[in-house]
């Protein structure tokens, strides 16, 4: 069960981010790069499947102060690799004690091709600390919807394959199993690491 150690000042930080600017005199160090969600998304407990084949719920099986979640797929030709590299680079900027307070989770949106072994190889290539999840497509769609992430299998391609439509943002889950902030796919490693440390400091 997740700990109930809420990131107590997150709402205040989100307000500073939304309202801050040159006129307020706020420094960059006091602002979050991510976009606050109002109201926050409430994550469902529907279990997916981890790379060991065991059930894994983003509510019941995460016990860190903060969890970053990205939905993508291993055959993605562009943005998924970019975001995964950003997540790996963010982890590389944290020390061991900071990493202990953070989970990073990749959820495939293409479970027909991304089984446990494929997902394990994929996430390990970026950082072995990243948790990889697959599962039933309907369950993945349900979990994604609760995080404001749309997931859909696209049309068949002339090559015989198919596109997979998915949201490209990184979502943060706090200790209350809510998603109060998100980052666009083009967030930099430095920006994401800055925000993560700021949120952890306020935890």
N, C-alpha and C. Protein backbone atom coordinates (compact mmCIF):
# COMPACT_ATOMS: atom_id res chain seq x y z
N UNK A 1 0.85 -1.20 0.00
CA UNK A 1 0.00 0.00 0.00
C UNK A 1 0.88 1.24 0.00
N UNK A 2 0.47 2.23 -0.78
CA UNK A 2 1.26 3.45 -0.84
C UNK A 2 1.29 4.13 0.50
N UNK A 3 2.41 4.78 0.80
CA UNK A 3 2.49 5.60 2.00
C UNK A 3 1.61 6.81 1.85
N UNK A 4 1.22 7.37 2.93
CA UNK A 4 0.33 8.54 2.90
C UNK A 4 1.11 9.83 3.10
N UNK A 5 2.42 9.78 2.76
CA UNK A 5 3.25 10.97 2.98
C UNK A 5 3.01 11.94 1.82
N UNK A 6 2.00 12.75 1.95
CA UNK A 6 1.63 13.66 0.87
C UNK A 6 2.72 14.70 0.66
N UNK A 7 2.82 15.15 -0.59
CA UNK A 7 3.72 16.26 -0.89
C UNK A 7 2.98 17.53 -0.51
N UNK A 8 3.10 17.88 0.74
CA UNK A 8 2.22 18.85 1.34
C UNK A 8 2.13 20.20 0.66
N UNK A 9 3.23 20.68 0.10
CA UNK A 9 3.19 22.03 -0.46
C UNK A 9 3.01 22.03 -1.96
N UNK A 10 2.58 20.90 -2.54
CA UNK A 10 2.48 20.83 -3.99
C UNK A 10 1.46 21.82 -4.53
N UNK A 11 0.33 21.97 -3.83
CA UNK A 11 -0.69 22.90 -4.31
C UNK A 11 -0.14 24.32 -4.35
N UNK A 12 0.62 24.69 -3.32
CA UNK A 12 1.21 26.02 -3.30
C UNK A 12 2.21 26.18 -4.42
N UNK A 13 3.03 25.16 -4.63
CA UNK A 13 4.02 25.23 -5.70
C UNK A 13 3.35 25.34 -7.05
N UNK A 14 2.25 24.60 -7.24
CA UNK A 14 1.52 24.67 -8.50
C UNK A 14 0.98 26.07 -8.72
N UNK A 15 0.49 26.70 -7.66
CA UNK A 15 -0.01 28.06 -7.76
C UNK A 15 1.09 29.02 -8.15
N UNK A 16 2.27 28.85 -7.55
CA UNK A 16 3.40 29.69 -7.92
C UNK A 16 3.77 29.52 -9.37
N UNK A 17 3.71 28.27 -9.85
CA UNK A 17 4.05 28.01 -11.25
C UNK A 17 3.05 28.67 -12.17
N UNK A 18 1.76 28.52 -11.82
CA UNK A 18 0.74 29.04 -12.70
C UNK A 18 0.71 30.56 -12.71
N UNK A 19 1.02 31.17 -11.58
CA UNK A 19 0.86 32.61 -11.46
C UNK A 19 2.17 33.38 -11.48
N UNK A 20 3.28 32.66 -11.42
CA UNK A 20 4.56 33.34 -11.35
C UNK A 20 4.92 34.03 -12.64
N UNK A 21 5.86 34.95 -12.57
CA UNK A 21 6.30 35.67 -13.75
C UNK A 21 7.23 36.77 -13.34
N UNK A 22 7.68 37.52 -14.33
CA UNK A 22 8.63 38.58 -14.04
C UNK A 22 8.07 39.62 -13.10
N UNK A 23 6.78 39.87 -13.20
CA UNK A 23 6.20 40.93 -12.39
C UNK A 23 6.18 40.56 -10.91
N UNK A 24 6.21 39.25 -10.61
CA UNK A 24 6.13 38.86 -9.21
C UNK A 24 7.49 38.82 -8.54
N UNK A 25 8.54 38.84 -9.35
CA UNK A 25 9.88 38.76 -8.78
C UNK A 25 10.29 37.36 -8.43
N UNK A 26 9.51 36.33 -8.82
CA UNK A 26 9.86 34.95 -8.51
C UNK A 26 11.09 34.54 -9.27
N UNK A 27 11.99 33.81 -8.62
CA UNK A 27 13.17 33.31 -9.30
C UNK A 27 12.83 32.01 -10.00
N UNK A 28 13.65 31.64 -11.02
CA UNK A 28 13.43 30.41 -11.74
C UNK A 28 13.50 29.21 -10.82
N UNK A 29 14.34 29.31 -9.76
CA UNK A 29 14.52 28.20 -8.84
C UNK A 29 13.25 27.89 -8.06
N UNK A 30 12.32 28.86 -7.98
CA UNK A 30 11.10 28.66 -7.23
C UNK A 30 9.94 28.23 -8.11
N UNK A 31 10.17 28.00 -9.40
CA UNK A 31 9.09 27.69 -10.30
C UNK A 31 9.23 26.28 -10.86
N UNK A 32 8.10 25.63 -11.04
CA UNK A 32 8.06 24.32 -11.66
C UNK A 32 7.91 24.46 -13.17
N UNK A 33 8.60 23.62 -13.90
CA UNK A 33 8.46 23.61 -15.36
C UNK A 33 7.17 22.93 -15.77
N UNK A 34 6.75 21.91 -15.02
CA UNK A 34 5.57 21.13 -15.37
C UNK A 34 4.29 21.94 -15.29
N UNK A 35 3.22 21.35 -15.84
CA UNK A 35 1.91 21.99 -15.87
C UNK A 35 1.02 21.41 -14.78
N UNK A 36 0.56 22.23 -13.84
CA UNK A 36 -0.34 21.72 -12.79
C UNK A 36 -1.68 21.29 -13.38
N UNK A 37 -2.27 20.26 -12.80
CA UNK A 37 -3.59 19.79 -13.20
C UNK A 37 -4.60 20.17 -12.12
N UNK A 38 -5.65 20.85 -12.52
CA UNK A 38 -6.66 21.30 -11.58
C UNK A 38 -8.05 21.02 -12.18
N UNK A 39 -8.74 19.99 -11.70
CA UNK A 39 -8.38 19.17 -10.54
C UNK A 39 -7.36 18.10 -10.91
N UNK A 40 -6.64 17.58 -9.91
CA UNK A 40 -5.70 16.49 -10.18
C UNK A 40 -6.44 15.24 -10.65
N UNK A 41 -5.78 14.42 -11.44
CA UNK A 41 -6.34 13.13 -11.82
C UNK A 41 -6.24 12.18 -10.63
N UNK A 42 -7.23 11.32 -10.49
CA UNK A 42 -7.24 10.31 -9.43
C UNK A 42 -6.95 8.96 -10.07
N UNK A 43 -5.83 8.36 -9.71
CA UNK A 43 -5.37 7.14 -10.36
C UNK A 43 -6.20 5.94 -9.91
N UNK A 44 -6.60 5.08 -10.86
CA UNK A 44 -7.33 3.87 -10.51
C UNK A 44 -6.34 2.78 -10.10
N UNK A 45 -6.82 1.83 -9.31
CA UNK A 45 -5.97 0.78 -8.76
C UNK A 45 -5.89 -0.46 -9.66
N UNK A 46 -6.50 -0.41 -10.83
CA UNK A 46 -6.51 -1.57 -11.73
C UNK A 46 -5.09 -2.10 -11.93
N UNK A 47 -4.85 -3.37 -11.63
CA UNK A 47 -3.48 -3.89 -11.77
C UNK A 47 -3.11 -4.15 -13.22
N UNK A 48 -1.87 -3.85 -13.57
CA UNK A 48 -1.28 -4.23 -14.84
C UNK A 48 -0.34 -5.40 -14.56
N UNK A 49 0.65 -5.62 -15.41
CA UNK A 49 1.55 -6.77 -15.24
C UNK A 49 2.99 -6.29 -15.36
N UNK A 50 3.84 -6.60 -14.35
CA UNK A 50 5.23 -6.18 -14.43
C UNK A 50 6.05 -7.18 -15.24
N UNK A 51 7.33 -6.92 -15.38
CA UNK A 51 8.17 -7.75 -16.25
C UNK A 51 8.46 -9.13 -15.66
N UNK A 52 8.09 -9.35 -14.40
CA UNK A 52 8.20 -10.68 -13.80
C UNK A 52 6.89 -11.45 -13.94
N UNK A 53 5.90 -10.84 -14.60
CA UNK A 53 4.62 -11.49 -14.77
C UNK A 53 3.68 -11.35 -13.60
N UNK A 54 4.02 -10.47 -12.66
CA UNK A 54 3.21 -10.28 -11.45
C UNK A 54 2.30 -9.05 -11.59
N UNK A 55 1.13 -9.08 -10.93
CA UNK A 55 0.25 -7.91 -10.95
C UNK A 55 0.96 -6.68 -10.36
N UNK A 56 0.72 -5.54 -10.95
CA UNK A 56 1.34 -4.30 -10.46
C UNK A 56 0.34 -3.16 -10.64
N UNK A 57 -0.05 -2.57 -9.51
CA UNK A 57 -0.99 -1.46 -9.51
C UNK A 57 -0.26 -0.15 -9.22
N UNK A 58 -0.59 0.89 -9.96
CA UNK A 58 0.01 2.20 -9.73
C UNK A 58 -0.48 2.83 -8.43
N UNK A 59 -1.46 2.22 -7.80
CA UNK A 59 -1.94 2.68 -6.49
C UNK A 59 -1.36 1.80 -5.38
N UNK A 60 -1.53 0.50 -5.51
CA UNK A 60 -1.20 -0.41 -4.41
C UNK A 60 0.26 -0.84 -4.36
N UNK A 61 0.98 -0.74 -5.46
CA UNK A 61 2.34 -1.28 -5.51
C UNK A 61 3.42 -0.24 -5.67
N UNK A 62 3.08 1.01 -5.47
CA UNK A 62 4.08 2.07 -5.43
C UNK A 62 4.06 2.67 -4.04
N UNK A 63 5.23 2.78 -3.44
CA UNK A 63 5.29 3.27 -2.05
C UNK A 63 6.28 4.42 -1.90
N UNK A 64 6.60 5.06 -3.01
CA UNK A 64 7.54 6.17 -2.97
C UNK A 64 6.79 7.50 -2.83
N UNK A 65 7.52 8.54 -2.53
CA UNK A 65 6.91 9.87 -2.41
C UNK A 65 6.39 10.37 -3.75
N UNK A 66 7.03 9.95 -4.84
CA UNK A 66 6.68 10.45 -6.16
C UNK A 66 6.91 9.34 -7.18
N UNK A 67 5.99 9.23 -8.14
CA UNK A 67 6.13 8.27 -9.23
C UNK A 67 5.92 9.00 -10.55
N UNK A 68 6.86 8.83 -11.47
CA UNK A 68 6.72 9.37 -12.82
C UNK A 68 6.27 8.26 -13.74
N UNK A 69 5.25 8.51 -14.56
CA UNK A 69 4.68 7.49 -15.43
C UNK A 69 4.66 8.00 -16.86
N UNK A 70 5.10 7.13 -17.79
CA UNK A 70 5.03 7.45 -19.21
C UNK A 70 4.42 6.26 -19.95
N UNK A 71 3.44 6.55 -20.81
CA UNK A 71 2.81 5.54 -21.65
C UNK A 71 3.40 5.61 -23.05
N UNK A 72 3.91 4.49 -23.54
CA UNK A 72 4.48 4.44 -24.87
C UNK A 72 4.56 3.01 -25.35
N UNK A 73 5.37 2.74 -26.37
CA UNK A 73 5.52 1.36 -26.83
C UNK A 73 6.87 1.18 -27.50
N UNK A 74 7.35 -0.05 -27.50
CA UNK A 74 8.74 -0.30 -27.88
C UNK A 74 9.00 -0.11 -29.36
N UNK A 75 7.96 -0.22 -30.21
CA UNK A 75 8.13 0.00 -31.64
C UNK A 75 7.92 1.45 -32.05
N UNK A 76 7.71 2.31 -31.09
CA UNK A 76 7.49 3.74 -31.36
C UNK A 76 8.71 4.31 -32.08
N UNK A 77 8.51 4.99 -33.21
CA UNK A 77 9.65 5.42 -34.02
C UNK A 77 10.30 6.72 -33.58
N UNK A 78 9.70 7.45 -32.66
CA UNK A 78 10.25 8.78 -32.38
C UNK A 78 10.16 9.20 -30.92
N UNK A 79 8.98 9.69 -30.51
CA UNK A 79 8.88 10.40 -29.23
C UNK A 79 9.13 9.51 -28.02
N UNK A 80 8.79 8.23 -28.11
CA UNK A 80 8.95 7.36 -26.93
C UNK A 80 10.41 7.25 -26.51
N UNK A 81 11.29 7.03 -27.48
CA UNK A 81 12.71 6.96 -27.16
C UNK A 81 13.23 8.25 -26.58
N UNK A 82 12.72 9.37 -27.09
CA UNK A 82 13.13 10.68 -26.58
C UNK A 82 12.74 10.83 -25.12
N UNK A 83 11.49 10.50 -24.79
CA UNK A 83 11.01 10.65 -23.43
C UNK A 83 11.72 9.67 -22.49
N UNK A 84 11.92 8.44 -22.95
CA UNK A 84 12.61 7.46 -22.11
C UNK A 84 14.05 7.90 -21.82
N UNK A 85 14.70 8.48 -22.80
CA UNK A 85 16.06 8.99 -22.58
C UNK A 85 16.04 10.14 -21.57
N UNK A 86 15.00 10.97 -21.63
CA UNK A 86 14.87 12.05 -20.66
C UNK A 86 14.67 11.51 -19.25
N UNK A 87 13.84 10.49 -19.12
CA UNK A 87 13.63 9.88 -17.80
C UNK A 87 14.91 9.26 -17.27
N UNK A 88 15.63 8.55 -18.13
CA UNK A 88 16.90 7.95 -17.71
C UNK A 88 17.91 9.02 -17.32
N UNK A 89 17.96 10.09 -18.10
CA UNK A 89 18.88 11.18 -17.78
C UNK A 89 18.51 11.89 -16.49
N UNK A 90 17.22 11.97 -16.21
CA UNK A 90 16.77 12.55 -14.95
C UNK A 90 17.23 11.70 -13.77
N UNK A 91 17.07 10.39 -13.88
CA UNK A 91 17.54 9.50 -12.82
C UNK A 91 19.04 9.64 -12.60
N UNK A 92 19.79 9.83 -13.68
CA UNK A 92 21.25 9.95 -13.57
C UNK A 92 21.65 11.21 -12.82
N UNK A 93 20.77 12.19 -12.75
CA UNK A 93 21.07 13.44 -12.06
C UNK A 93 20.75 13.38 -10.57
N UNK A 94 20.15 12.29 -10.11
CA UNK A 94 19.76 12.16 -8.71
C UNK A 94 20.76 11.30 -7.95
N UNK A 95 20.93 11.58 -6.67
CA UNK A 95 21.78 10.71 -5.86
C UNK A 95 20.95 9.54 -5.34
N UNK A 96 21.59 8.60 -4.68
CA UNK A 96 20.92 7.37 -4.27
C UNK A 96 19.76 7.64 -3.32
N UNK A 97 19.93 8.58 -2.41
CA UNK A 97 18.87 8.86 -1.45
C UNK A 97 17.65 9.48 -2.13
N UNK A 98 17.88 10.27 -3.16
CA UNK A 98 16.77 10.86 -3.91
C UNK A 98 16.06 9.80 -4.75
N UNK A 99 16.84 8.91 -5.36
CA UNK A 99 16.23 7.83 -6.13
C UNK A 99 15.37 6.91 -5.27
N UNK A 100 15.74 6.76 -4.01
CA UNK A 100 14.98 5.91 -3.11
C UNK A 100 13.56 6.43 -2.89
N UNK A 101 13.34 7.70 -3.16
CA UNK A 101 12.03 8.30 -2.95
C UNK A 101 11.22 8.44 -4.22
N UNK A 102 11.73 7.87 -5.33
CA UNK A 102 11.11 8.06 -6.64
C UNK A 102 10.98 6.73 -7.38
N UNK A 103 9.83 6.50 -8.00
CA UNK A 103 9.65 5.42 -8.96
C UNK A 103 9.46 6.03 -10.35
N UNK A 104 10.01 5.37 -11.36
CA UNK A 104 9.78 5.74 -12.75
C UNK A 104 9.19 4.53 -13.45
N UNK A 105 8.04 4.71 -14.08
CA UNK A 105 7.28 3.59 -14.65
C UNK A 105 7.00 3.84 -16.12
N UNK A 106 7.29 2.82 -16.95
CA UNK A 106 6.91 2.81 -18.36
C UNK A 106 5.76 1.82 -18.53
N UNK A 107 4.65 2.28 -19.14
CA UNK A 107 3.51 1.42 -19.42
C UNK A 107 3.37 1.29 -20.93
N UNK A 108 3.47 0.06 -21.44
CA UNK A 108 3.30 -0.10 -22.88
C UNK A 108 1.85 0.12 -23.28
N UNK A 109 1.65 0.71 -24.43
CA UNK A 109 0.31 0.87 -25.01
C UNK A 109 0.10 -0.13 -26.15
N UNK A 110 1.03 -1.06 -26.29
CA UNK A 110 0.98 -2.05 -27.37
C UNK A 110 1.26 -3.44 -26.79
N UNK A 111 0.38 -3.92 -25.89
CA UNK A 111 0.67 -5.19 -25.22
C UNK A 111 0.65 -6.40 -26.16
N UNK A 112 0.03 -6.28 -27.32
CA UNK A 112 0.02 -7.39 -28.27
C UNK A 112 1.43 -7.74 -28.72
N UNK A 113 2.30 -6.74 -28.81
CA UNK A 113 3.69 -6.99 -29.20
C UNK A 113 4.66 -6.86 -28.03
N UNK A 114 4.28 -6.07 -27.05
CA UNK A 114 5.18 -5.81 -25.92
C UNK A 114 4.82 -6.70 -24.73
N UNK A 115 5.33 -7.93 -24.74
CA UNK A 115 5.11 -8.80 -23.58
C UNK A 115 6.14 -8.47 -22.50
N UNK A 116 6.15 -9.26 -21.44
CA UNK A 116 7.02 -8.96 -20.31
C UNK A 116 8.49 -8.91 -20.70
N UNK A 117 8.92 -9.87 -21.51
CA UNK A 117 10.34 -9.93 -21.89
C UNK A 117 10.74 -8.74 -22.76
N UNK A 118 9.87 -8.37 -23.70
CA UNK A 118 10.16 -7.24 -24.58
C UNK A 118 10.25 -5.95 -23.78
N UNK A 119 9.31 -5.76 -22.87
CA UNK A 119 9.30 -4.55 -22.04
C UNK A 119 10.53 -4.51 -21.14
N UNK A 120 10.91 -5.65 -20.58
CA UNK A 120 12.09 -5.71 -19.72
C UNK A 120 13.34 -5.29 -20.48
N UNK A 121 13.52 -5.81 -21.68
CA UNK A 121 14.69 -5.44 -22.49
C UNK A 121 14.67 -3.95 -22.82
N UNK A 122 13.48 -3.43 -23.10
CA UNK A 122 13.35 -2.03 -23.50
C UNK A 122 13.71 -1.08 -22.36
N UNK A 123 13.11 -1.28 -21.20
CA UNK A 123 13.37 -0.34 -20.10
C UNK A 123 14.80 -0.48 -19.59
N UNK A 124 15.31 -1.71 -19.59
CA UNK A 124 16.67 -1.93 -19.09
C UNK A 124 17.71 -1.23 -19.96
N UNK A 125 17.41 -1.07 -21.24
CA UNK A 125 18.34 -0.39 -22.14
C UNK A 125 18.48 1.08 -21.78
N UNK A 126 17.47 1.64 -21.13
CA UNK A 126 17.53 3.04 -20.72
C UNK A 126 18.06 3.17 -19.29
N UNK A 127 17.47 2.44 -18.37
CA UNK A 127 17.93 2.43 -16.98
C UNK A 127 17.28 1.24 -16.29
N UNK A 128 18.06 0.37 -15.67
CA UNK A 128 17.49 -0.82 -15.02
C UNK A 128 16.58 -0.50 -13.85
N UNK A 129 16.61 0.74 -13.38
CA UNK A 129 15.73 1.12 -12.29
C UNK A 129 14.32 1.47 -12.73
N UNK A 130 14.09 1.59 -14.04
CA UNK A 130 12.76 1.92 -14.55
C UNK A 130 11.89 0.66 -14.50
N UNK A 131 10.67 0.81 -13.99
CA UNK A 131 9.72 -0.29 -13.89
C UNK A 131 8.94 -0.37 -15.21
N UNK A 132 8.87 -1.55 -15.80
CA UNK A 132 8.13 -1.74 -17.04
C UNK A 132 6.85 -2.51 -16.81
N UNK A 133 5.75 -2.06 -17.43
CA UNK A 133 4.45 -2.71 -17.26
C UNK A 133 3.81 -2.99 -18.60
N UNK A 134 3.14 -4.13 -18.69
CA UNK A 134 2.29 -4.48 -19.82
C UNK A 134 0.95 -4.93 -19.24
N UNK A 135 0.19 -5.75 -19.96
CA UNK A 135 -1.08 -6.21 -19.44
C UNK A 135 -2.14 -6.26 -20.50
N UNK A 136 -3.37 -6.40 -20.09
CA UNK A 136 -4.51 -6.41 -21.00
C UNK A 136 -4.75 -5.00 -21.52
N UNK A 137 -5.01 -4.87 -22.82
CA UNK A 137 -5.17 -3.54 -23.41
C UNK A 137 -6.31 -2.77 -22.74
N UNK A 138 -7.41 -3.43 -22.44
CA UNK A 138 -8.52 -2.73 -21.79
C UNK A 138 -8.11 -2.15 -20.44
N UNK A 139 -7.30 -2.91 -19.71
CA UNK A 139 -6.82 -2.41 -18.41
C UNK A 139 -5.88 -1.22 -18.60
N UNK A 140 -5.02 -1.31 -19.59
CA UNK A 140 -4.09 -0.20 -19.87
C UNK A 140 -4.87 1.05 -20.25
N UNK A 141 -5.90 0.88 -21.08
CA UNK A 141 -6.74 2.02 -21.47
C UNK A 141 -7.41 2.63 -20.24
N UNK A 142 -7.91 1.79 -19.33
CA UNK A 142 -8.57 2.28 -18.13
C UNK A 142 -7.62 3.07 -17.24
N UNK A 143 -6.42 2.51 -17.02
CA UNK A 143 -5.43 3.21 -16.19
C UNK A 143 -5.02 4.52 -16.86
N UNK A 144 -4.77 4.47 -18.16
CA UNK A 144 -4.39 5.68 -18.88
C UNK A 144 -5.46 6.76 -18.78
N UNK A 145 -6.71 6.37 -18.94
CA UNK A 145 -7.81 7.34 -18.87
C UNK A 145 -7.84 8.04 -17.52
N UNK A 146 -7.57 7.28 -16.45
CA UNK A 146 -7.59 7.88 -15.11
C UNK A 146 -6.47 8.90 -14.94
N UNK A 147 -5.43 8.80 -15.78
CA UNK A 147 -4.31 9.73 -15.74
C UNK A 147 -4.39 10.78 -16.85
N UNK A 148 -5.56 10.89 -17.49
CA UNK A 148 -5.76 11.82 -18.60
C UNK A 148 -4.87 11.47 -19.80
N UNK A 149 -4.55 10.19 -19.96
CA UNK A 149 -3.73 9.73 -21.07
C UNK A 149 -4.58 8.85 -21.98
N UNK A 150 -4.78 9.29 -23.23
CA UNK A 150 -5.54 8.50 -24.18
C UNK A 150 -4.68 7.41 -24.80
N UNK A 151 -5.23 6.21 -24.94
CA UNK A 151 -4.52 5.08 -25.53
C UNK A 151 -5.44 4.43 -26.56
N UNK A 152 -4.93 4.17 -27.76
CA UNK A 152 -5.75 3.56 -28.80
C UNK A 152 -4.87 2.89 -29.84
N UNK A 153 -5.28 1.73 -30.31
CA UNK A 153 -4.58 1.07 -31.41
C UNK A 153 -5.05 1.70 -32.71
N UNK A 154 -4.10 2.20 -33.50
CA UNK A 154 -4.43 2.90 -34.73
C UNK A 154 -4.72 1.95 -35.89
N UNK A 155 -4.79 2.53 -37.09
CA UNK A 155 -5.11 1.75 -38.27
C UNK A 155 -3.91 0.95 -38.74
N UNK A 156 -4.22 -0.12 -39.48
CA UNK A 156 -3.18 -0.98 -40.03
C UNK A 156 -2.39 -0.23 -41.10
N UNK A 157 -1.07 -0.42 -41.11
CA UNK A 157 -0.20 0.24 -42.07
C UNK A 157 0.02 -0.64 -43.29
N UNK A 158 0.40 -0.05 -44.42
CA UNK A 158 0.69 -0.85 -45.62
C UNK A 158 1.74 -1.93 -45.38
N UNK A 159 2.63 -1.68 -44.43
CA UNK A 159 3.70 -2.63 -44.12
C UNK A 159 3.17 -3.88 -43.40
N UNK A 160 1.93 -3.81 -42.94
CA UNK A 160 1.35 -4.90 -42.18
C UNK A 160 1.31 -4.63 -40.69
N UNK A 161 2.06 -3.65 -40.24
CA UNK A 161 2.03 -3.26 -38.84
C UNK A 161 0.88 -2.31 -38.58
N UNK A 162 0.96 -1.59 -37.48
CA UNK A 162 -0.10 -0.65 -37.15
C UNK A 162 0.46 0.43 -36.24
N UNK A 163 -0.16 1.59 -36.30
CA UNK A 163 0.20 2.68 -35.40
C UNK A 163 -0.46 2.47 -34.05
N UNK A 164 0.15 3.04 -33.03
CA UNK A 164 -0.45 3.05 -31.70
C UNK A 164 -0.54 4.50 -31.25
N UNK A 165 -1.75 4.93 -30.95
CA UNK A 165 -1.96 6.30 -30.50
C UNK A 165 -1.90 6.35 -28.98
N UNK A 166 -1.11 7.29 -28.46
CA UNK A 166 -0.97 7.39 -27.00
C UNK A 166 -0.57 8.80 -26.64
N UNK A 167 -0.89 9.20 -25.41
CA UNK A 167 -0.43 10.49 -24.92
C UNK A 167 1.08 10.49 -24.78
N UNK A 168 1.68 11.65 -24.88
CA UNK A 168 3.14 11.74 -24.86
C UNK A 168 3.69 12.45 -23.64
N UNK A 169 2.85 12.72 -22.67
CA UNK A 169 3.31 13.46 -21.50
C UNK A 169 3.79 12.53 -20.39
N UNK A 170 4.65 13.05 -19.56
CA UNK A 170 5.07 12.36 -18.33
C UNK A 170 4.16 12.84 -17.21
N UNK A 171 3.56 11.89 -16.51
CA UNK A 171 2.62 12.22 -15.45
C UNK A 171 3.24 11.91 -14.09
N UNK A 172 2.98 12.76 -13.11
CA UNK A 172 3.48 12.54 -11.74
C UNK A 172 2.34 12.04 -10.87
N UNK A 173 2.60 10.99 -10.11
CA UNK A 173 1.65 10.49 -9.12
C UNK A 173 2.24 10.76 -7.74
N UNK A 174 1.45 11.40 -6.88
CA UNK A 174 1.95 11.72 -5.55
C UNK A 174 1.55 10.65 -4.54
N UNK A 175 1.84 10.85 -3.29
CA UNK A 175 1.58 9.87 -2.25
C UNK A 175 0.10 9.72 -1.93
N UNK A 176 -0.74 10.59 -2.49
CA UNK A 176 -2.19 10.47 -2.33
C UNK A 176 -2.84 9.81 -3.54
N UNK A 177 -2.01 9.22 -4.42
CA UNK A 177 -2.49 8.53 -5.62
C UNK A 177 -3.24 9.48 -6.56
N UNK A 178 -2.78 10.71 -6.58
CA UNK A 178 -3.31 11.70 -7.50
C UNK A 178 -2.22 12.16 -8.45
N UNK A 179 -2.64 12.69 -9.58
CA UNK A 179 -1.70 13.22 -10.57
C UNK A 179 -1.90 14.73 -10.66
N UNK A 180 -1.12 15.48 -9.88
CA UNK A 180 -1.33 16.93 -9.82
C UNK A 180 -0.52 17.72 -10.83
N UNK A 181 0.41 17.07 -11.55
CA UNK A 181 1.28 17.81 -12.46
C UNK A 181 1.76 16.89 -13.57
N UNK A 182 2.02 17.48 -14.74
CA UNK A 182 2.51 16.71 -15.88
C UNK A 182 3.54 17.54 -16.64
N UNK A 183 4.30 16.84 -17.47
CA UNK A 183 5.31 17.50 -18.29
C UNK A 183 5.14 17.11 -19.74
N UNK A 184 5.31 18.05 -20.66
CA UNK A 184 5.27 17.75 -22.08
C UNK A 184 6.45 16.88 -22.48
N UNK A 185 6.34 16.22 -23.62
CA UNK A 185 7.37 15.27 -24.04
C UNK A 185 8.71 15.93 -24.29
N UNK A 186 8.70 17.24 -24.55
CA UNK A 186 9.96 17.92 -24.86
C UNK A 186 10.62 18.55 -23.63
N UNK A 187 10.17 18.19 -22.43
CA UNK A 187 10.84 18.68 -21.23
C UNK A 187 12.28 18.16 -21.24
N UNK A 188 13.21 18.97 -20.77
CA UNK A 188 14.61 18.55 -20.76
C UNK A 188 14.91 17.75 -19.49
N UNK A 189 16.02 17.03 -19.53
CA UNK A 189 16.46 16.29 -18.34
C UNK A 189 16.67 17.24 -17.17
N UNK A 190 17.29 18.36 -17.44
CA UNK A 190 17.57 19.33 -16.37
C UNK A 190 16.28 19.88 -15.78
N UNK A 191 15.32 20.20 -16.63
CA UNK A 191 14.05 20.73 -16.14
C UNK A 191 13.29 19.70 -15.31
N UNK A 192 13.24 18.47 -15.80
CA UNK A 192 12.51 17.43 -15.08
C UNK A 192 13.19 17.11 -13.76
N UNK A 193 14.52 17.01 -13.77
CA UNK A 193 15.25 16.74 -12.53
C UNK A 193 15.03 17.87 -11.52
N UNK A 194 15.04 19.10 -12.00
CA UNK A 194 14.79 20.25 -11.13
C UNK A 194 13.44 20.14 -10.46
N UNK A 195 12.40 19.81 -11.25
CA UNK A 195 11.05 19.72 -10.70
C UNK A 195 10.94 18.56 -9.72
N UNK A 196 11.53 17.42 -10.07
CA UNK A 196 11.47 16.26 -9.18
C UNK A 196 12.10 16.58 -7.83
N UNK A 197 13.26 17.19 -7.85
CA UNK A 197 13.94 17.54 -6.60
C UNK A 197 13.12 18.56 -5.80
N UNK A 198 12.52 19.49 -6.49
CA UNK A 198 11.72 20.50 -5.81
C UNK A 198 10.51 19.85 -5.14
N UNK A 199 9.87 18.92 -5.83
CA UNK A 199 8.72 18.23 -5.26
C UNK A 199 9.12 17.33 -4.10
N UNK A 200 10.24 16.64 -4.25
CA UNK A 200 10.71 15.79 -3.16
C UNK A 200 11.11 16.61 -1.94
N UNK A 201 11.70 17.76 -2.16
CA UNK A 201 12.10 18.64 -1.05
C UNK A 201 10.89 19.09 -0.26
N UNK A 202 9.75 19.21 -0.96
CA UNK A 202 8.54 19.69 -0.27
C UNK A 202 7.73 18.54 0.32
N UNK A 203 8.20 17.30 0.12
CA UNK A 203 7.47 16.13 0.59
C UNK A 203 7.60 15.93 2.09
